[in-house]
Amino acid sequence: MLLRLLQFIDGLWLPRINELIIVVTTSKNEMLDPALLVPGRMDMHIHMPYCTFPAFKRLARRYFGFYDLKLFEEIQGILETVEVTHAEIVRELTKSPDSFQGVAEFLREKKLEKDEKLRLQRNQRGEEEHQEERFL
């Protein structure tokens, strides 16, 4: 499969075209095959950070031209603790007329998921420590 992708990318270059732009996205850059990253295939790497509160405000203004100030404080607090992409925020903003409430609910769910994951990790570490103590 990788060989076909590389052949496809390499075959796209045409002498009459000075530049060709191919956009490739991944959330796991470290898992990409080094053959994809050689100069001439992937020349520019752009890091897209998770959505911050200032970015959220710009998105809200762009899509609605106003802010729902009642929910902004809560949204800001949650955005500081969870990892959410700009695309996820835009999806929530465009779902319904009550989009700010939808974003707040989405972020609350993300926060609950993160808290549950952390709780499970702590429990697992505690069990591992307990097992180590039993064998000492």
N, C-alpha and C. Protein backbone atom coordinates (compact mmCIF):
# COMPACT_ATOMS: atom_id res chain seq x y z
N MET A 1 0.83 -1.19 0.00
CA MET A 1 0.00 0.00 0.00
C MET A 1 0.87 1.26 0.00
N LEU A 2 1.93 1.25 0.83
CA LEU A 2 2.82 2.41 0.89
C LEU A 2 3.47 2.64 -0.46
N LEU A 3 3.92 1.57 -1.09
CA LEU A 3 4.57 1.70 -2.40
C LEU A 3 3.64 2.36 -3.42
N ARG A 4 2.38 1.97 -3.41
CA ARG A 4 1.41 2.58 -4.33
C ARG A 4 1.22 4.07 -4.05
N LEU A 5 1.15 4.42 -2.76
CA LEU A 5 1.01 5.82 -2.38
C LEU A 5 2.22 6.62 -2.84
N LEU A 6 3.41 6.10 -2.62
CA LEU A 6 4.63 6.80 -3.04
C LEU A 6 4.67 6.95 -4.55
N GLN A 7 4.31 5.92 -5.28
CA GLN A 7 4.29 5.99 -6.74
C GLN A 7 3.28 7.04 -7.21
N PHE A 8 2.13 7.07 -6.54
CA PHE A 8 1.10 8.06 -6.89
C PHE A 8 1.62 9.48 -6.66
N ILE A 9 2.19 9.72 -5.49
CA ILE A 9 2.70 11.06 -5.17
C ILE A 9 3.81 11.45 -6.14
N ASP A 10 4.74 10.53 -6.38
CA ASP A 10 5.86 10.83 -7.28
C ASP A 10 5.37 11.04 -8.71
N GLY A 11 4.31 10.35 -9.11
CA GLY A 11 3.79 10.45 -10.47
C GLY A 11 2.98 11.71 -10.71
N LEU A 12 2.64 12.44 -9.67
CA LEU A 12 1.84 13.65 -9.84
C LEU A 12 2.64 14.83 -10.38
N TRP A 13 3.94 14.81 -10.22
CA TRP A 13 4.74 15.93 -10.66
C TRP A 13 4.78 15.96 -12.19
N LEU A 14 4.48 17.11 -12.72
CA LEU A 14 4.53 17.30 -14.17
C LEU A 14 5.50 18.42 -14.49
N PRO A 15 6.32 18.27 -15.51
CA PRO A 15 7.32 19.29 -15.83
C PRO A 15 6.72 20.67 -16.11
N ARG A 16 5.49 20.73 -16.60
CA ARG A 16 4.91 22.02 -16.95
C ARG A 16 4.32 22.74 -15.74
N ILE A 17 4.18 22.05 -14.64
CA ILE A 17 3.62 22.65 -13.43
C ILE A 17 4.77 22.94 -12.47
N ASN A 18 4.90 24.20 -12.07
CA ASN A 18 5.99 24.55 -11.17
C ASN A 18 5.80 24.00 -9.77
N GLU A 19 4.58 24.03 -9.28
CA GLU A 19 4.33 23.58 -7.92
C GLU A 19 3.06 22.76 -7.85
N LEU A 20 3.09 21.80 -6.98
CA LEU A 20 1.93 20.97 -6.73
C LEU A 20 1.79 20.85 -5.21
N ILE A 21 0.60 21.09 -4.71
CA ILE A 21 0.38 21.03 -3.28
C ILE A 21 -0.51 19.84 -2.95
N ILE A 22 -0.01 18.99 -2.10
CA ILE A 22 -0.78 17.85 -1.59
C ILE A 22 -0.85 18.04 -0.09
N VAL A 23 -2.04 18.00 0.45
CA VAL A 23 -2.22 18.15 1.89
C VAL A 23 -2.45 16.77 2.49
N VAL A 24 -1.63 16.42 3.46
CA VAL A 24 -1.74 15.15 4.17
C VAL A 24 -1.87 15.49 5.64
N THR A 25 -2.83 14.89 6.31
CA THR A 25 -2.99 15.16 7.74
C THR A 25 -2.85 13.88 8.53
N THR A 26 -2.35 14.02 9.75
CA THR A 26 -2.23 12.89 10.66
C THR A 26 -2.17 13.42 12.08
N SER A 27 -2.65 12.63 13.00
CA SER A 27 -2.49 12.97 14.41
C SER A 27 -1.38 12.14 15.03
N LYS A 28 -0.76 11.26 14.24
CA LYS A 28 0.31 10.40 14.73
C LYS A 28 1.51 10.48 13.78
N ASN A 29 2.15 11.62 13.77
CA ASN A 29 3.27 11.89 12.89
C ASN A 29 4.39 10.87 13.05
N GLU A 30 4.61 10.40 14.27
CA GLU A 30 5.70 9.47 14.54
C GLU A 30 5.47 8.10 13.89
N MET A 31 4.25 7.83 13.46
CA MET A 31 3.94 6.53 12.84
C MET A 31 4.08 6.55 11.33
N LEU A 32 4.36 7.72 10.75
CA LEU A 32 4.53 7.80 9.30
C LEU A 32 5.82 7.13 8.88
N ASP A 33 5.78 6.46 7.76
CA ASP A 33 6.97 5.82 7.22
C ASP A 33 7.95 6.93 6.79
N PRO A 34 9.23 6.80 7.13
CA PRO A 34 10.21 7.82 6.74
C PRO A 34 10.26 8.07 5.23
N ALA A 35 9.88 7.08 4.42
CA ALA A 35 9.88 7.27 2.96
C ALA A 35 8.91 8.36 2.53
N LEU A 36 7.87 8.59 3.33
CA LEU A 36 6.92 9.66 3.00
C LEU A 36 7.49 11.04 3.28
N LEU A 37 8.44 11.12 4.18
CA LEU A 37 8.91 12.41 4.67
C LEU A 37 10.16 12.94 3.96
N VAL A 38 10.62 12.25 2.92
CA VAL A 38 11.83 12.70 2.24
C VAL A 38 11.55 14.01 1.49
N PRO A 39 12.58 14.86 1.34
CA PRO A 39 12.39 16.11 0.59
C PRO A 39 11.87 15.80 -0.82
N GLY A 40 10.93 16.61 -1.24
CA GLY A 40 10.31 16.41 -2.54
C GLY A 40 8.95 15.74 -2.43
N ARG A 41 8.72 15.07 -1.32
CA ARG A 41 7.39 14.48 -1.09
C ARG A 41 6.64 15.29 -0.05
N MET A 42 7.20 15.45 1.09
CA MET A 42 6.59 16.22 2.17
C MET A 42 7.61 17.28 2.60
N ASP A 43 7.52 18.44 2.00
CA ASP A 43 8.51 19.48 2.24
C ASP A 43 8.17 20.42 3.39
N MET A 44 6.91 20.52 3.73
CA MET A 44 6.51 21.46 4.77
C MET A 44 5.64 20.73 5.80
N HIS A 45 5.95 20.93 7.04
CA HIS A 45 5.17 20.32 8.12
C HIS A 45 4.60 21.45 8.96
N ILE A 46 3.30 21.45 9.12
CA ILE A 46 2.63 22.50 9.88
C ILE A 46 1.95 21.87 11.08
N HIS A 47 2.32 22.33 12.26
CA HIS A 47 1.69 21.83 13.48
C HIS A 47 0.38 22.57 13.71
N MET A 48 -0.69 21.82 13.86
CA MET A 48 -2.00 22.41 14.13
C MET A 48 -2.33 22.13 15.60
N PRO A 49 -2.22 23.13 16.45
CA PRO A 49 -2.47 22.90 17.87
C PRO A 49 -3.96 22.69 18.14
N TYR A 50 -4.24 22.25 19.35
CA TYR A 50 -5.64 22.11 19.75
C TYR A 50 -6.25 23.50 19.91
N CYS A 51 -7.56 23.54 19.90
CA CYS A 51 -8.29 24.80 19.97
C CYS A 51 -8.12 25.46 21.34
N THR A 52 -7.76 26.71 21.33
CA THR A 52 -7.65 27.50 22.56
C THR A 52 -8.86 28.42 22.66
N PHE A 53 -9.01 29.06 23.80
CA PHE A 53 -10.16 29.94 23.97
C PHE A 53 -10.12 31.14 23.01
N PRO A 54 -8.97 31.81 22.81
CA PRO A 54 -8.97 32.90 21.82
C PRO A 54 -9.37 32.42 20.42
N ALA A 55 -8.93 31.23 20.04
CA ALA A 55 -9.32 30.68 18.73
C ALA A 55 -10.82 30.38 18.72
N PHE A 56 -11.35 29.87 19.81
CA PHE A 56 -12.78 29.61 19.90
C PHE A 56 -13.58 30.90 19.73
N LYS A 57 -13.13 31.98 20.35
CA LYS A 57 -13.84 33.26 20.21
C LYS A 57 -13.85 33.72 18.76
N ARG A 58 -12.72 33.55 18.07
CA ARG A 58 -12.67 33.93 16.65
C ARG A 58 -13.65 33.09 15.83
N LEU A 59 -13.71 31.78 16.13
CA LEU A 59 -14.65 30.92 15.41
C LEU A 59 -16.09 31.33 15.69
N ALA A 60 -16.40 31.62 16.95
CA ALA A 60 -17.76 32.03 17.33
C ALA A 60 -18.14 33.32 16.62
N ARG A 61 -17.22 34.27 16.57
CA ARG A 61 -17.50 35.54 15.90
C ARG A 61 -17.68 35.32 14.40
N ARG A 62 -16.86 34.44 13.83
CA ARG A 62 -16.95 34.19 12.38
C ARG A 62 -18.28 33.54 12.00
N TYR A 63 -18.71 32.57 12.79
CA TYR A 63 -19.93 31.84 12.45
C TYR A 63 -21.21 32.56 12.87
N PHE A 64 -21.14 33.35 13.95
CA PHE A 64 -22.36 33.94 14.47
C PHE A 64 -22.31 35.45 14.61
N GLY A 65 -21.13 36.04 14.65
CA GLY A 65 -21.02 37.47 14.79
C GLY A 65 -21.30 37.97 16.20
N PHE A 66 -21.46 37.04 17.15
CA PHE A 66 -21.71 37.44 18.54
C PHE A 66 -21.23 36.33 19.46
N TYR A 67 -21.21 36.65 20.73
CA TYR A 67 -20.80 35.68 21.75
C TYR A 67 -21.96 35.41 22.69
N ASP A 68 -22.05 34.20 23.18
CA ASP A 68 -22.98 33.87 24.25
C ASP A 68 -22.18 33.96 25.54
N LEU A 69 -22.15 35.14 26.12
CA LEU A 69 -21.27 35.40 27.25
C LEU A 69 -21.58 34.53 28.47
N LYS A 70 -22.83 34.06 28.59
CA LYS A 70 -23.19 33.22 29.74
C LYS A 70 -22.39 31.92 29.74
N LEU A 71 -22.13 31.39 28.56
CA LEU A 71 -21.43 30.10 28.47
C LEU A 71 -19.92 30.26 28.27
N PHE A 72 -19.47 31.46 27.93
CA PHE A 72 -18.06 31.63 27.59
C PHE A 72 -17.12 31.29 28.74
N GLU A 73 -17.47 31.66 29.94
CA GLU A 73 -16.60 31.38 31.08
C GLU A 73 -16.43 29.87 31.27
N GLU A 74 -17.54 29.14 31.17
CA GLU A 74 -17.47 27.68 31.30
C GLU A 74 -16.67 27.07 30.15
N ILE A 75 -16.94 27.53 28.93
CA ILE A 75 -16.22 27.01 27.76
C ILE A 75 -14.73 27.28 27.90
N GLN A 76 -14.37 28.48 28.35
CA GLN A 76 -12.96 28.81 28.53
C GLN A 76 -12.31 27.87 29.53
N GLY A 77 -12.97 27.64 30.66
CA GLY A 77 -12.41 26.76 31.68
C GLY A 77 -12.19 25.34 31.17
N ILE A 78 -13.13 24.84 30.41
CA ILE A 78 -12.99 23.46 29.91
C ILE A 78 -11.94 23.39 28.81
N LEU A 79 -11.90 24.39 27.92
CA LEU A 79 -10.90 24.38 26.84
C LEU A 79 -9.48 24.38 27.39
N GLU A 80 -9.29 24.91 28.59
CA GLU A 80 -7.96 24.91 29.19
C GLU A 80 -7.54 23.54 29.70
N THR A 81 -8.50 22.60 29.77
CA THR A 81 -8.18 21.29 30.35
C THR A 81 -8.32 20.12 29.38
N VAL A 82 -8.95 20.32 28.22
CA VAL A 82 -9.15 19.21 27.28
C VAL A 82 -8.48 19.52 25.95
N GLU A 83 -8.27 18.47 25.16
CA GLU A 83 -7.68 18.61 23.84
C GLU A 83 -8.78 18.43 22.80
N VAL A 84 -9.14 19.54 22.13
CA VAL A 84 -10.22 19.55 21.15
C VAL A 84 -9.70 20.25 19.91
N THR A 85 -9.98 19.68 18.74
CA THR A 85 -9.51 20.31 17.51
C THR A 85 -10.46 21.41 17.07
N HIS A 86 -9.96 22.28 16.21
CA HIS A 86 -10.79 23.34 15.65
C HIS A 86 -11.95 22.74 14.86
N ALA A 87 -11.70 21.64 14.15
CA ALA A 87 -12.75 21.00 13.36
C ALA A 87 -13.88 20.50 14.25
N GLU A 88 -13.55 19.96 15.42
CA GLU A 88 -14.59 19.50 16.34
C GLU A 88 -15.45 20.67 16.81
N ILE A 89 -14.81 21.80 17.10
CA ILE A 89 -15.55 22.98 17.55
C ILE A 89 -16.46 23.49 16.43
N VAL A 90 -15.93 23.58 15.21
CA VAL A 90 -16.74 24.06 14.09
C VAL A 90 -17.93 23.12 13.86
N ARG A 91 -17.70 21.82 13.96
CA ARG A 91 -18.80 20.86 13.79
C ARG A 91 -19.91 21.15 14.80
N GLU A 92 -19.54 21.42 16.04
CA GLU A 92 -20.54 21.70 17.07
C GLU A 92 -21.22 23.05 16.84
N LEU A 93 -20.45 24.03 16.38
CA LEU A 93 -21.02 25.36 16.13
C LEU A 93 -22.03 25.36 15.00
N THR A 94 -21.86 24.45 14.05
CA THR A 94 -22.74 24.45 12.89
C THR A 94 -23.89 23.45 13.01
N LYS A 95 -24.01 22.77 14.12
CA LYS A 95 -25.05 21.74 14.28
C LYS A 95 -26.45 22.31 14.45
N SER A 96 -26.59 23.36 15.26
CA SER A 96 -27.94 23.82 15.56
C SER A 96 -27.93 25.31 15.89
N PRO A 97 -29.13 25.91 15.95
CA PRO A 97 -29.23 27.33 16.33
C PRO A 97 -28.73 27.59 17.75
N ASP A 98 -28.83 26.59 18.62
CA ASP A 98 -28.36 26.74 20.00
C ASP A 98 -26.94 26.19 20.13
N SER A 99 -26.08 26.63 19.21
CA SER A 99 -24.76 26.04 19.08
C SER A 99 -23.86 26.23 20.29
N PHE A 100 -23.95 27.37 20.95
CA PHE A 100 -23.08 27.58 22.11
C PHE A 100 -23.39 26.57 23.20
N GLN A 101 -24.66 26.27 23.39
CA GLN A 101 -25.05 25.25 24.36
C GLN A 101 -24.52 23.89 23.90
N GLY A 102 -24.59 23.61 22.60
CA GLY A 102 -24.07 22.36 22.06
C GLY A 102 -22.57 22.23 22.26
N VAL A 103 -21.84 23.31 22.06
CA VAL A 103 -20.39 23.29 22.29
C VAL A 103 -20.11 23.03 23.77
N ALA A 104 -20.83 23.69 24.64
CA ALA A 104 -20.63 23.50 26.08
C ALA A 104 -20.90 22.05 26.46
N GLU A 105 -21.97 21.45 25.94
CA GLU A 105 -22.27 20.05 26.24
C GLU A 105 -21.19 19.13 25.70
N PHE A 106 -20.74 19.39 24.48
CA PHE A 106 -19.67 18.60 23.87
C PHE A 106 -18.41 18.66 24.73
N LEU A 107 -18.04 19.86 25.18
CA LEU A 107 -16.84 20.02 25.99
C LEU A 107 -17.00 19.36 27.36
N ARG A 108 -18.19 19.44 27.93
CA ARG A 108 -18.43 18.74 29.21
C ARG A 108 -18.20 17.24 29.05
N GLU A 109 -18.70 16.69 27.94
CA GLU A 109 -18.50 15.26 27.68
C GLU A 109 -17.02 14.93 27.52
N LYS A 110 -16.29 15.78 26.79
CA LYS A 110 -14.84 15.58 26.63
C LYS A 110 -14.13 15.61 27.98
N LYS A 111 -14.55 16.54 28.84
CA LYS A 111 -13.95 16.66 30.16
C LYS A 111 -14.24 15.40 30.99
N LEU A 112 -15.47 14.91 30.93
CA LEU A 112 -15.82 13.68 31.66
C LEU A 112 -15.00 12.50 31.15
N GLU A 113 -14.84 12.40 29.83
CA GLU A 113 -14.03 11.32 29.25
C GLU A 113 -12.59 11.40 29.74
N LYS A 114 -12.04 12.61 29.74
CA LYS A 114 -10.65 12.79 30.19
C LYS A 114 -10.53 12.44 31.67
N ASP A 115 -11.46 12.91 32.49
CA ASP A 115 -11.42 12.61 33.93
C ASP A 115 -11.52 11.12 34.18
N GLU A 116 -12.39 10.42 33.43
CA GLU A 116 -12.56 8.97 33.59
C GLU A 116 -11.28 8.24 33.17
N LYS A 117 -10.66 8.69 32.10
CA LYS A 117 -9.42 8.08 31.64
C LYS A 117 -8.32 8.25 32.70
N LEU A 118 -8.21 9.44 33.27
CA LEU A 118 -7.22 9.69 34.31
C LEU A 118 -7.50 8.83 35.54
N ARG A 119 -8.78 8.69 35.91
CA ARG A 119 -9.14 7.87 37.07
C ARG A 119 -8.75 6.41 36.84
N LEU A 120 -9.01 5.91 35.64
CA LEU A 120 -8.64 4.52 35.32
C LEU A 120 -7.13 4.34 35.34
N GLN A 121 -6.39 5.33 34.84
CA GLN A 121 -4.93 5.24 34.86
C GLN A 121 -4.40 5.23 36.29
N ARG A 122 -4.98 6.09 37.15
CA ARG A 122 -4.57 6.11 38.56
C ARG A 122 -4.88 4.78 39.24
N ASN A 123 -6.06 4.23 38.97
CA ASN A 123 -6.43 2.94 39.54
C ASN A 123 -5.48 1.84 39.08
N GLN A 124 -5.12 1.87 37.80
CA GLN A 124 -4.21 0.86 37.26
C GLN A 124 -2.84 0.98 37.90
N ARG A 125 -2.35 2.22 38.06
CA ARG A 125 -1.06 2.42 38.72
C ARG A 125 -1.11 1.94 40.17
N GLY A 126 -2.24 2.22 40.84
CA GLY A 126 -2.40 1.78 42.22
C GLY A 126 -2.39 0.27 42.33
N GLU A 127 -3.05 -0.42 41.40
CA GLU A 127 -3.05 -1.88 41.40
C GLU A 127 -1.66 -2.42 41.14
N GLU A 128 -0.92 -1.80 40.22
CA GLU A 128 0.44 -2.25 39.93
C GLU A 128 1.34 -2.07 41.15
N GLU A 129 1.20 -0.94 41.85
CA GLU A 129 2.00 -0.71 43.05
C GLU A 129 1.64 -1.71 44.14
N HIS A 130 0.35 -2.02 44.25
CA HIS A 130 -0.11 -2.98 45.25
C HIS A 130 0.46 -4.36 44.95
N GLN A 131 0.49 -4.75 43.67
CA GLN A 131 1.04 -6.05 43.30
C GLN A 131 2.53 -6.10 43.58
N GLU A 132 3.25 -4.99 43.33
CA GLU A 132 4.69 -4.94 43.62
C GLU A 132 4.94 -5.10 45.11
N GLU A 133 4.11 -4.46 45.94
CA GLU A 133 4.26 -4.57 47.40
C GLU A 133 4.04 -5.98 47.87
N ARG A 134 3.11 -6.70 47.25
CA ARG A 134 2.84 -8.09 47.66
C ARG A 134 4.03 -8.98 47.41
N PHE A 135 4.79 -8.70 46.35
CA PHE A 135 5.93 -9.55 46.01
C PHE A 135 7.21 -9.17 46.73
N LEU A 136 7.20 -8.07 47.45
CA LEU A 136 8.42 -7.64 48.17
C LEU A 136 8.55 -8.31 49.50
